[in-house]
Each structure stands twice: as C-alpha cells, then as structure tokens.
C-alpha cells in the first residue's frame, strides 16, 4: 500500500535517548513550542517480540510515508546491534541463513533506518542528545548528510533542551 510522504520519522536508541524523543514530542504537542510534525510511528505499530524482519518491514512502511527523517544520536547509537538477523532466534549461525526462509540482514534497526532514509532521498535531520555535534557517534551513512544540531546547551551550571537549535534544524 502506497502512502503519501507527509510524516516525520524519528529514530533513536530508545533505551538510552528516549528523553530526547520525549522532548521532541513535548515540543510538538505544545501550542507554545510546536514543531508541527506528524509522527510516522502512528502509521503502523509493531511489537518488540515480532521477528526482526517483520519489524524492519514495518519500519520501511513508516519510512515510505515520511518526508523527514530525524535521527537522535547519543553515546550508544553506533554500538547498537538490535535488529541484526544474527541476534534473532530464527538465525542459523551454521548456515548463515534464516530458519524461516527470509533474507538475512545484519544491520541494526538504526542502521537500517538510516540507509532507508538516504535511499528515499528525504530531508534528514540529525540531533545530538548532547551539547555538541560529534559526528563520530553518528552512523557513517549520515555523517555528511543532512542538518546536524546539538539538542542541549549548558548555561549557569545547568543543562537545558535547546529548542532554538532544534527549530532551526527543522527549518522553522
């Protein structure tokens, strides 16, 4: 099924950077801080206990409906392996194949999402859950692509979410 590209796709390490994702949604849902995006994850849900290939199929469906891809980069983004077939219970490490007959994809969910965003040719925004942009933490395929901005700033001994920087990244 084809979908019009109207959504914003948010990818992140939800185990470590969910606070940054939640902040994006807070700004989006607020009348004062509105970023005005429609989340691609609302198009289709998938369960964490689904097969990795089923989840990737769902991710592709969401990406197909997206005009903007946002990756939130944290300290662990490049270390994540979840989503790679080698970590799936259906993967046969002796034959390097899927016991269910599906094709094998060793990319993590995040690397898969980044590759799909580049292939789709959509707007790419890379937000760092930090006070600085450190492209070594970003998946290689996006290091020199899109708009890269820090989501946090430090002032008077405290850390704050940087709405202005994020707003600029979105082009608002």
N, C-alpha and C. Protein backbone atom coordinates (compact mmCIF):
# COMPACT_ATOMS: atom_id res chain seq x y z
N UNK A 1 0.84 -1.18 0.00
CA UNK A 1 0.00 0.00 0.00
C UNK A 1 0.88 1.25 0.00
N UNK A 2 0.62 2.16 -0.89
CA UNK A 2 1.38 3.40 -1.00
C UNK A 2 0.79 4.47 -0.09
N UNK A 3 1.67 5.26 0.49
CA UNK A 3 1.24 6.32 1.40
C UNK A 3 1.89 7.62 0.95
N UNK A 4 1.18 8.71 1.08
CA UNK A 4 1.79 10.00 0.77
C UNK A 4 2.85 10.31 1.81
N UNK A 5 3.92 10.94 1.37
CA UNK A 5 5.01 11.31 2.28
C UNK A 5 4.64 12.60 3.01
N UNK A 6 4.05 12.43 4.19
CA UNK A 6 3.62 13.58 4.98
C UNK A 6 4.15 13.53 6.41
N UNK A 7 4.77 12.46 6.79
CA UNK A 7 5.13 12.21 8.18
C UNK A 7 6.60 12.54 8.48
N UNK A 8 6.88 12.57 9.78
CA UNK A 8 8.25 12.71 10.27
C UNK A 8 8.61 11.42 10.99
N UNK A 9 9.69 10.82 10.58
CA UNK A 9 10.15 9.55 11.12
C UNK A 9 11.25 9.84 12.14
N UNK A 10 11.06 9.38 13.36
CA UNK A 10 12.06 9.59 14.41
C UNK A 10 12.72 8.26 14.76
N UNK A 11 14.04 8.23 14.65
CA UNK A 11 14.82 7.04 15.00
C UNK A 11 15.77 7.42 16.14
N UNK A 12 15.94 6.48 17.07
CA UNK A 12 16.81 6.73 18.22
C UNK A 12 17.06 5.43 18.96
N UNK A 13 18.03 5.49 19.84
CA UNK A 13 18.27 4.41 20.79
C UNK A 13 17.28 4.65 21.94
N UNK A 14 16.15 3.97 21.89
CA UNK A 14 15.09 4.22 22.87
C UNK A 14 15.47 3.75 24.27
N UNK A 15 16.51 2.94 24.40
CA UNK A 15 16.97 2.52 25.72
C UNK A 15 17.75 3.62 26.43
N UNK A 16 18.43 4.48 25.65
CA UNK A 16 19.29 5.49 26.26
C UNK A 16 18.90 6.93 25.92
N UNK A 17 18.18 7.16 24.84
CA UNK A 17 17.88 8.52 24.39
C UNK A 17 16.38 8.82 24.30
N UNK A 18 15.59 8.05 25.02
CA UNK A 18 14.14 8.26 25.00
C UNK A 18 13.78 9.65 25.53
N UNK A 19 14.58 10.19 26.44
CA UNK A 19 14.32 11.54 26.96
C UNK A 19 14.32 12.57 25.84
N UNK A 20 15.22 12.43 24.88
CA UNK A 20 15.29 13.35 23.75
C UNK A 20 14.08 13.17 22.83
N UNK A 21 13.67 11.93 22.60
CA UNK A 21 12.48 11.67 21.79
C UNK A 21 11.26 12.27 22.48
N UNK A 22 11.15 12.05 23.78
CA UNK A 22 10.02 12.61 24.54
C UNK A 22 10.01 14.13 24.47
N UNK A 23 11.18 14.75 24.49
CA UNK A 23 11.24 16.21 24.41
C UNK A 23 10.77 16.69 23.05
N UNK A 24 11.14 16.01 21.97
CA UNK A 24 10.63 16.38 20.64
C UNK A 24 9.11 16.33 20.61
N UNK A 25 8.55 15.26 21.19
CA UNK A 25 7.09 15.14 21.23
C UNK A 25 6.46 16.22 22.10
N UNK A 26 7.12 16.56 23.19
CA UNK A 26 6.61 17.62 24.06
C UNK A 26 6.54 18.94 23.29
N UNK A 27 7.61 19.28 22.57
CA UNK A 27 7.61 20.49 21.77
C UNK A 27 6.55 20.42 20.67
N UNK A 28 6.38 19.27 20.10
CA UNK A 28 5.41 19.11 19.01
C UNK A 28 3.97 19.22 19.52
N UNK A 29 3.71 18.70 20.70
CA UNK A 29 2.35 18.68 21.24
C UNK A 29 1.95 19.99 21.91
N UNK A 30 2.92 20.84 22.19
CA UNK A 30 2.66 22.10 22.88
C UNK A 30 2.25 23.19 21.90
N UNK A 31 1.28 23.97 22.27
CA UNK A 31 0.89 25.11 21.43
C UNK A 31 1.98 26.19 21.44
N UNK A 32 2.72 26.29 22.52
CA UNK A 32 3.78 27.29 22.65
C UNK A 32 5.02 26.93 21.83
N UNK A 33 5.39 25.64 21.83
CA UNK A 33 6.66 25.21 21.23
C UNK A 33 6.49 24.39 19.95
N UNK A 34 5.36 24.38 19.38
CA UNK A 34 5.02 23.44 18.32
C UNK A 34 6.05 23.33 17.19
N UNK A 35 6.47 22.12 16.95
CA UNK A 35 7.31 21.81 15.79
C UNK A 35 6.44 21.40 14.61
N UNK A 36 5.21 21.04 14.87
CA UNK A 36 4.21 20.71 13.85
C UNK A 36 4.61 19.55 12.94
N UNK A 37 4.87 18.41 13.54
CA UNK A 37 5.10 17.22 12.72
C UNK A 37 4.11 16.14 13.09
N UNK A 38 3.89 15.26 12.14
CA UNK A 38 3.02 14.10 12.32
C UNK A 38 3.92 12.86 12.35
N UNK A 39 3.94 12.15 13.46
CA UNK A 39 4.86 11.04 13.69
C UNK A 39 4.54 9.83 12.81
N UNK A 40 5.53 9.38 12.06
CA UNK A 40 5.37 8.21 11.18
C UNK A 40 5.06 6.94 11.96
N UNK A 41 5.43 6.90 13.23
CA UNK A 41 5.17 5.70 14.02
C UNK A 41 3.68 5.49 14.28
N UNK A 42 2.88 6.51 14.03
CA UNK A 42 1.43 6.37 14.15
C UNK A 42 0.81 5.62 12.97
N UNK A 43 1.57 5.45 11.88
CA UNK A 43 1.05 4.76 10.70
C UNK A 43 0.83 3.27 10.93
N UNK A 44 1.75 2.67 11.68
CA UNK A 44 1.69 1.22 11.89
C UNK A 44 2.50 0.87 13.13
N UNK A 45 1.99 -0.01 13.94
CA UNK A 45 2.72 -0.43 15.13
C UNK A 45 3.33 -1.80 14.92
N UNK A 46 4.37 -2.05 15.67
CA UNK A 46 4.95 -3.39 15.67
C UNK A 46 5.33 -3.72 17.10
N UNK A 47 5.35 -4.98 17.39
CA UNK A 47 5.62 -5.46 18.73
C UNK A 47 7.10 -5.79 18.89
N UNK A 48 7.64 -5.53 20.07
CA UNK A 48 9.04 -5.86 20.33
C UNK A 48 9.33 -7.35 20.22
N UNK A 49 8.31 -8.19 20.35
CA UNK A 49 8.54 -9.63 20.25
C UNK A 49 8.29 -10.15 18.84
N UNK A 50 8.07 -9.26 17.88
CA UNK A 50 7.93 -9.66 16.48
C UNK A 50 9.30 -10.10 15.95
N UNK A 51 9.29 -10.83 14.85
CA UNK A 51 10.54 -11.18 14.18
C UNK A 51 11.21 -9.90 13.70
N UNK A 52 12.53 -9.89 13.72
CA UNK A 52 13.27 -8.70 13.29
C UNK A 52 12.88 -8.29 11.87
N UNK A 53 12.71 -9.28 10.98
CA UNK A 53 12.35 -8.95 9.60
C UNK A 53 10.95 -8.35 9.52
N UNK A 54 10.04 -8.76 10.38
CA UNK A 54 8.70 -8.17 10.42
C UNK A 54 8.76 -6.73 10.90
N UNK A 55 9.61 -6.49 11.90
CA UNK A 55 9.76 -5.13 12.41
C UNK A 55 10.38 -4.24 11.33
N UNK A 56 11.38 -4.73 10.62
CA UNK A 56 12.00 -3.94 9.55
C UNK A 56 10.99 -3.65 8.44
N UNK A 57 10.12 -4.58 8.16
CA UNK A 57 9.06 -4.33 7.18
C UNK A 57 8.15 -3.19 7.63
N UNK A 58 7.83 -3.18 8.90
CA UNK A 58 7.02 -2.11 9.47
C UNK A 58 7.77 -0.78 9.43
N UNK A 59 9.06 -0.80 9.72
CA UNK A 59 9.87 0.41 9.67
C UNK A 59 9.90 0.98 8.24
N UNK A 60 10.04 0.10 7.26
CA UNK A 60 10.05 0.55 5.86
C UNK A 60 8.71 1.17 5.49
N UNK A 61 7.62 0.58 5.93
CA UNK A 61 6.28 1.14 5.65
C UNK A 61 6.18 2.56 6.21
N UNK A 62 6.65 2.74 7.43
CA UNK A 62 6.63 4.08 8.05
C UNK A 62 7.52 5.05 7.28
N UNK A 63 8.70 4.56 6.87
CA UNK A 63 9.62 5.41 6.12
C UNK A 63 9.00 5.83 4.79
N UNK A 64 8.28 4.92 4.16
CA UNK A 64 7.63 5.23 2.88
C UNK A 64 6.60 6.35 3.02
N UNK A 65 6.10 6.58 4.22
CA UNK A 65 5.13 7.65 4.45
C UNK A 65 5.76 8.92 5.00
N UNK A 66 7.09 8.97 5.01
CA UNK A 66 7.78 10.09 5.66
C UNK A 66 8.45 11.03 4.66
N UNK A 67 8.38 12.31 4.99
CA UNK A 67 9.07 13.34 4.21
C UNK A 67 10.33 13.82 4.92
N UNK A 68 10.41 13.54 6.24
CA UNK A 68 11.55 13.96 7.05
C UNK A 68 11.99 12.80 7.94
N UNK A 69 13.28 12.62 8.03
CA UNK A 69 13.87 11.61 8.90
C UNK A 69 14.69 12.30 9.96
N UNK A 70 14.38 12.02 11.24
CA UNK A 70 15.12 12.59 12.36
C UNK A 70 15.81 11.45 13.09
N UNK A 71 17.13 11.56 13.21
CA UNK A 71 17.89 10.60 14.00
C UNK A 71 18.41 11.32 15.23
N UNK A 72 18.12 10.78 16.38
CA UNK A 72 18.69 11.30 17.61
C UNK A 72 19.91 10.45 17.94
N UNK A 73 21.04 11.11 18.03
CA UNK A 73 22.31 10.43 18.27
C UNK A 73 22.73 10.62 19.72
N UNK A 74 23.04 9.52 20.37
CA UNK A 74 23.56 9.54 21.73
C UNK A 74 24.86 8.78 21.81
N UNK A 75 25.30 8.51 23.00
CA UNK A 75 26.58 7.83 23.20
C UNK A 75 26.60 6.41 22.69
N UNK A 76 25.45 5.75 22.57
CA UNK A 76 25.41 4.33 22.21
C UNK A 76 24.87 4.06 20.80
N UNK A 77 24.53 5.10 20.07
CA UNK A 77 23.88 4.92 18.76
C UNK A 77 24.66 3.98 17.84
N UNK A 78 25.96 4.15 17.75
CA UNK A 78 26.77 3.32 16.85
C UNK A 78 27.10 1.94 17.41
N UNK A 79 26.75 1.70 18.66
CA UNK A 79 27.06 0.41 19.29
C UNK A 79 25.88 -0.56 19.24
N UNK A 80 24.73 -0.07 18.86
CA UNK A 80 23.50 -0.88 18.89
C UNK A 80 23.55 -1.96 17.81
N UNK A 81 23.20 -3.18 18.19
CA UNK A 81 23.13 -4.29 17.22
C UNK A 81 21.72 -4.85 17.10
N UNK A 82 20.81 -4.42 17.98
CA UNK A 82 19.45 -4.95 17.94
C UNK A 82 18.83 -4.72 16.57
N UNK A 83 18.25 -5.76 16.03
CA UNK A 83 17.65 -5.71 14.71
C UNK A 83 18.44 -6.50 13.68
N UNK A 84 19.71 -6.78 13.98
CA UNK A 84 20.53 -7.58 13.08
C UNK A 84 20.10 -9.03 13.16
N UNK A 85 19.96 -9.68 12.03
CA UNK A 85 19.48 -11.07 12.00
C UNK A 85 20.34 -12.01 12.85
N UNK A 86 21.62 -11.70 12.99
CA UNK A 86 22.50 -12.56 13.79
C UNK A 86 22.03 -12.64 15.24
N UNK A 87 21.18 -11.72 15.68
CA UNK A 87 20.66 -11.70 17.05
C UNK A 87 19.25 -12.27 17.16
N UNK A 88 18.70 -12.73 16.05
CA UNK A 88 17.33 -13.26 16.03
C UNK A 88 17.34 -14.76 16.31
N UNK A 89 16.33 -15.23 17.00
CA UNK A 89 16.21 -16.65 17.32
C UNK A 89 16.03 -17.53 16.09
N UNK A 90 15.64 -16.95 14.96
CA UNK A 90 15.45 -17.72 13.73
C UNK A 90 16.72 -17.80 12.87
N UNK A 91 17.78 -17.16 13.32
CA UNK A 91 19.03 -17.15 12.56
C UNK A 91 19.83 -18.41 12.85
N UNK A 92 20.28 -19.09 11.80
CA UNK A 92 21.10 -20.29 11.93
C UNK A 92 22.56 -19.87 11.69
N UNK A 93 23.34 -19.87 12.75
CA UNK A 93 24.74 -19.41 12.65
C UNK A 93 25.64 -20.40 11.92
N UNK A 94 25.18 -21.62 11.72
CA UNK A 94 25.98 -22.61 10.99
C UNK A 94 25.83 -22.45 9.48
N UNK A 95 24.62 -22.09 9.05
CA UNK A 95 24.36 -21.94 7.61
C UNK A 95 24.27 -20.46 7.21
N UNK A 96 24.33 -19.57 8.20
CA UNK A 96 24.20 -18.13 7.95
C UNK A 96 22.91 -17.80 7.21
N UNK A 97 21.85 -18.44 7.64
CA UNK A 97 20.57 -18.24 6.97
C UNK A 97 19.44 -18.16 8.00
N UNK A 98 18.29 -17.77 7.51
CA UNK A 98 17.11 -17.66 8.36
C UNK A 98 16.36 -18.99 8.31
N UNK A 99 16.06 -19.54 9.46
CA UNK A 99 15.33 -20.81 9.54
C UNK A 99 13.92 -20.70 8.98
N UNK A 100 13.41 -19.48 8.86
CA UNK A 100 12.06 -19.26 8.34
C UNK A 100 12.07 -18.94 6.85
N UNK A 101 13.27 -18.90 6.25
CA UNK A 101 13.38 -18.69 4.81
C UNK A 101 13.47 -17.23 4.38
N UNK A 102 13.53 -16.31 5.32
CA UNK A 102 13.65 -14.90 4.96
C UNK A 102 15.09 -14.56 4.61
N UNK A 103 15.27 -13.43 3.90
CA UNK A 103 16.63 -12.98 3.60
C UNK A 103 17.28 -12.48 4.89
N UNK A 104 18.60 -12.53 4.93
CA UNK A 104 19.35 -12.17 6.13
C UNK A 104 19.87 -10.75 5.98
N UNK A 105 19.69 -9.96 7.04
CA UNK A 105 20.14 -8.56 7.07
C UNK A 105 20.83 -8.34 8.41
N UNK A 106 22.12 -8.08 8.38
CA UNK A 106 22.89 -7.95 9.62
C UNK A 106 22.85 -6.53 10.22
N UNK A 107 22.20 -5.60 9.55
CA UNK A 107 22.15 -4.22 10.06
C UNK A 107 21.23 -4.11 11.27
N UNK A 108 21.62 -3.25 12.20
CA UNK A 108 20.75 -2.93 13.33
C UNK A 108 19.56 -2.15 12.80
N UNK A 109 18.54 -2.02 13.64
CA UNK A 109 17.38 -1.21 13.24
C UNK A 109 17.82 0.20 12.86
N UNK A 110 18.68 0.80 13.67
CA UNK A 110 19.09 2.19 13.40
C UNK A 110 19.84 2.30 12.08
N UNK A 111 20.76 1.40 11.82
CA UNK A 111 21.50 1.47 10.55
C UNK A 111 20.56 1.20 9.37
N UNK A 112 19.62 0.30 9.55
CA UNK A 112 18.62 0.03 8.51
C UNK A 112 17.81 1.30 8.23
N UNK A 113 17.34 1.96 9.29
CA UNK A 113 16.54 3.17 9.14
C UNK A 113 17.34 4.28 8.44
N UNK A 114 18.60 4.43 8.82
CA UNK A 114 19.44 5.45 8.20
C UNK A 114 19.63 5.17 6.71
N UNK A 115 19.92 3.92 6.36
CA UNK A 115 20.08 3.54 4.96
C UNK A 115 18.80 3.82 4.17
N UNK A 116 17.67 3.46 4.74
CA UNK A 116 16.37 3.67 4.06
C UNK A 116 16.08 5.15 3.86
N UNK A 117 16.46 5.98 4.83
CA UNK A 117 16.24 7.43 4.71
C UNK A 117 17.07 8.00 3.56
N UNK A 118 18.32 7.56 3.46
CA UNK A 118 19.18 8.03 2.37
C UNK A 118 18.62 7.55 1.04
N UNK A 119 18.23 6.29 0.96
CA UNK A 119 17.65 5.74 -0.28
C UNK A 119 16.39 6.49 -0.69
N UNK A 120 15.60 6.91 0.28
CA UNK A 120 14.34 7.61 0.00
C UNK A 120 14.57 9.04 -0.48
N UNK A 121 15.75 9.59 -0.19
CA UNK A 121 16.04 10.95 -0.63
C UNK A 121 15.23 12.01 0.11
N UNK A 122 14.83 11.71 1.34
CA UNK A 122 14.02 12.65 2.11
C UNK A 122 14.92 13.55 2.96
N UNK A 123 14.31 14.59 3.52
CA UNK A 123 15.04 15.52 4.39
C UNK A 123 15.57 14.76 5.60
N UNK A 124 16.84 15.00 5.94
CA UNK A 124 17.47 14.31 7.06
C UNK A 124 17.93 15.33 8.10
N UNK A 125 17.53 15.08 9.35
CA UNK A 125 17.93 15.90 10.49
C UNK A 125 18.59 14.97 11.50
N UNK A 126 19.79 15.34 11.94
CA UNK A 126 20.50 14.55 12.94
C UNK A 126 20.64 15.43 14.18
N UNK A 127 20.01 15.01 15.27
CA UNK A 127 20.04 15.75 16.52
C UNK A 127 20.86 14.98 17.54
N UNK A 128 21.78 15.67 18.20
CA UNK A 128 22.66 15.04 19.17
C UNK A 128 22.13 15.29 20.58
N UNK A 129 21.95 14.22 21.33
CA UNK A 129 21.49 14.32 22.71
C UNK A 129 22.70 14.72 23.56
N UNK A 130 23.21 15.93 23.27
CA UNK A 130 24.45 16.41 23.85
C UNK A 130 24.54 17.91 23.59
N UNK A 131 25.59 18.53 24.13
CA UNK A 131 25.82 19.96 23.93
C UNK A 131 26.62 20.25 22.67
N UNK A 132 27.13 19.20 22.03
CA UNK A 132 27.93 19.40 20.83
C UNK A 132 27.61 18.33 19.79
N UNK A 133 27.94 18.66 18.56
CA UNK A 133 27.80 17.72 17.45
C UNK A 133 29.09 16.92 17.37
N UNK A 134 28.98 15.61 17.52
CA UNK A 134 30.14 14.71 17.42
C UNK A 134 29.78 13.65 16.38
N UNK A 135 30.18 13.90 15.15
CA UNK A 135 29.78 13.03 14.04
C UNK A 135 30.35 11.62 14.15
N UNK A 136 31.34 11.39 15.00
CA UNK A 136 31.86 10.03 15.17
C UNK A 136 30.82 9.15 15.85
N UNK A 137 29.84 9.75 16.53
CA UNK A 137 28.77 8.99 17.19
C UNK A 137 27.63 8.69 16.23
N UNK A 138 27.64 9.30 15.07
CA UNK A 138 26.58 9.17 14.08
C UNK A 138 26.89 8.01 13.12
N UNK A 139 25.88 7.24 12.72
CA UNK A 139 26.14 6.20 11.70
C UNK A 139 26.79 6.81 10.46
N UNK A 140 27.76 6.12 9.94
CA UNK A 140 28.58 6.64 8.85
C UNK A 140 27.78 7.15 7.66
N UNK A 141 26.71 6.48 7.31
CA UNK A 141 25.93 6.86 6.14
C UNK A 141 25.33 8.27 6.26
N UNK A 142 25.18 8.76 7.49
CA UNK A 142 24.60 10.09 7.69
C UNK A 142 25.60 11.15 8.13
N UNK A 143 26.84 10.80 8.32
CA UNK A 143 27.82 11.75 8.88
C UNK A 143 27.95 13.03 8.07
N UNK A 144 27.84 12.93 6.77
CA UNK A 144 27.99 14.11 5.91
C UNK A 144 26.72 14.40 5.14
N UNK A 145 25.60 14.03 5.72
CA UNK A 145 24.30 14.22 5.08
C UNK A 145 23.36 14.92 6.04
N UNK A 146 22.55 15.81 5.51
CA UNK A 146 21.51 16.44 6.32
C UNK A 146 22.02 17.55 7.22
N UNK A 147 21.16 17.95 8.12
CA UNK A 147 21.43 19.01 9.09
C UNK A 147 21.76 18.38 10.43
N UNK A 148 22.88 18.75 11.01
CA UNK A 148 23.34 18.21 12.30
C UNK A 148 23.31 19.33 13.34
N UNK A 149 22.60 19.08 14.44
CA UNK A 149 22.50 20.09 15.51
C UNK A 149 22.52 19.40 16.88
N UNK A 150 23.05 20.13 17.87
CA UNK A 150 23.00 19.67 19.26
C UNK A 150 21.62 20.00 19.82
N UNK A 151 21.09 19.13 20.67
CA UNK A 151 19.77 19.34 21.28
C UNK A 151 19.84 19.97 22.66
N UNK A 152 21.05 20.14 23.18
CA UNK A 152 21.24 20.56 24.56
C UNK A 152 22.23 21.72 24.61
N UNK A 153 22.04 22.62 25.56
CA UNK A 153 23.05 23.63 25.81
C UNK A 153 23.29 23.73 27.31
N UNK A 154 24.45 24.27 27.65
CA UNK A 154 24.88 24.38 29.05
C UNK A 154 24.99 25.85 29.40
N UNK A 155 24.33 26.24 30.49
CA UNK A 155 24.35 27.63 30.91
C UNK A 155 24.19 27.70 32.42
N UNK A 156 25.00 28.52 33.06
CA UNK A 156 24.91 28.74 34.51
C UNK A 156 24.93 27.44 35.31
N UNK A 157 25.78 26.50 34.87
CA UNK A 157 25.94 25.26 35.60
C UNK A 157 24.82 24.24 35.40
N UNK A 158 23.95 24.47 34.41
CA UNK A 158 22.83 23.54 34.16
C UNK A 158 22.72 23.22 32.68
N UNK A 159 22.14 22.05 32.41
CA UNK A 159 21.86 21.63 31.04
C UNK A 159 20.40 21.93 30.72
N UNK A 160 20.17 22.40 29.49
CA UNK A 160 18.82 22.74 29.05
C UNK A 160 18.60 22.18 27.65
N UNK A 161 17.36 21.83 27.35
CA UNK A 161 17.00 21.45 25.99
C UNK A 161 17.07 22.70 25.12
N UNK A 162 17.61 22.57 23.92
CA UNK A 162 17.83 23.71 23.02
C UNK A 162 16.77 23.74 21.92
N UNK A 163 15.64 24.32 22.25
CA UNK A 163 14.53 24.40 21.30
C UNK A 163 14.94 25.18 20.04
N UNK A 164 15.66 26.27 20.21
CA UNK A 164 16.05 27.11 19.06
C UNK A 164 16.88 26.32 18.06
N UNK A 165 17.81 25.53 18.54
CA UNK A 165 18.66 24.72 17.67
C UNK A 165 17.83 23.68 16.92
N UNK A 166 16.92 23.02 17.63
CA UNK A 166 16.06 22.02 17.00
C UNK A 166 15.13 22.67 15.99
N UNK A 167 14.58 23.80 16.35
CA UNK A 167 13.69 24.55 15.46
C UNK A 167 14.43 24.90 14.16
N UNK A 168 15.68 25.35 14.28
CA UNK A 168 16.50 25.65 13.09
C UNK A 168 16.71 24.40 12.24
N UNK A 169 16.97 23.28 12.90
CA UNK A 169 17.19 22.02 12.16
C UNK A 169 15.95 21.64 11.35
N UNK A 170 14.78 21.87 11.92
CA UNK A 170 13.53 21.58 11.22
C UNK A 170 13.22 22.61 10.14
N UNK A 171 13.96 23.73 10.16
CA UNK A 171 13.73 24.76 9.15
C UNK A 171 12.54 25.64 9.46
N UNK A 172 12.25 25.79 10.74
CA UNK A 172 11.08 26.60 11.16
C UNK A 172 11.54 27.99 11.56
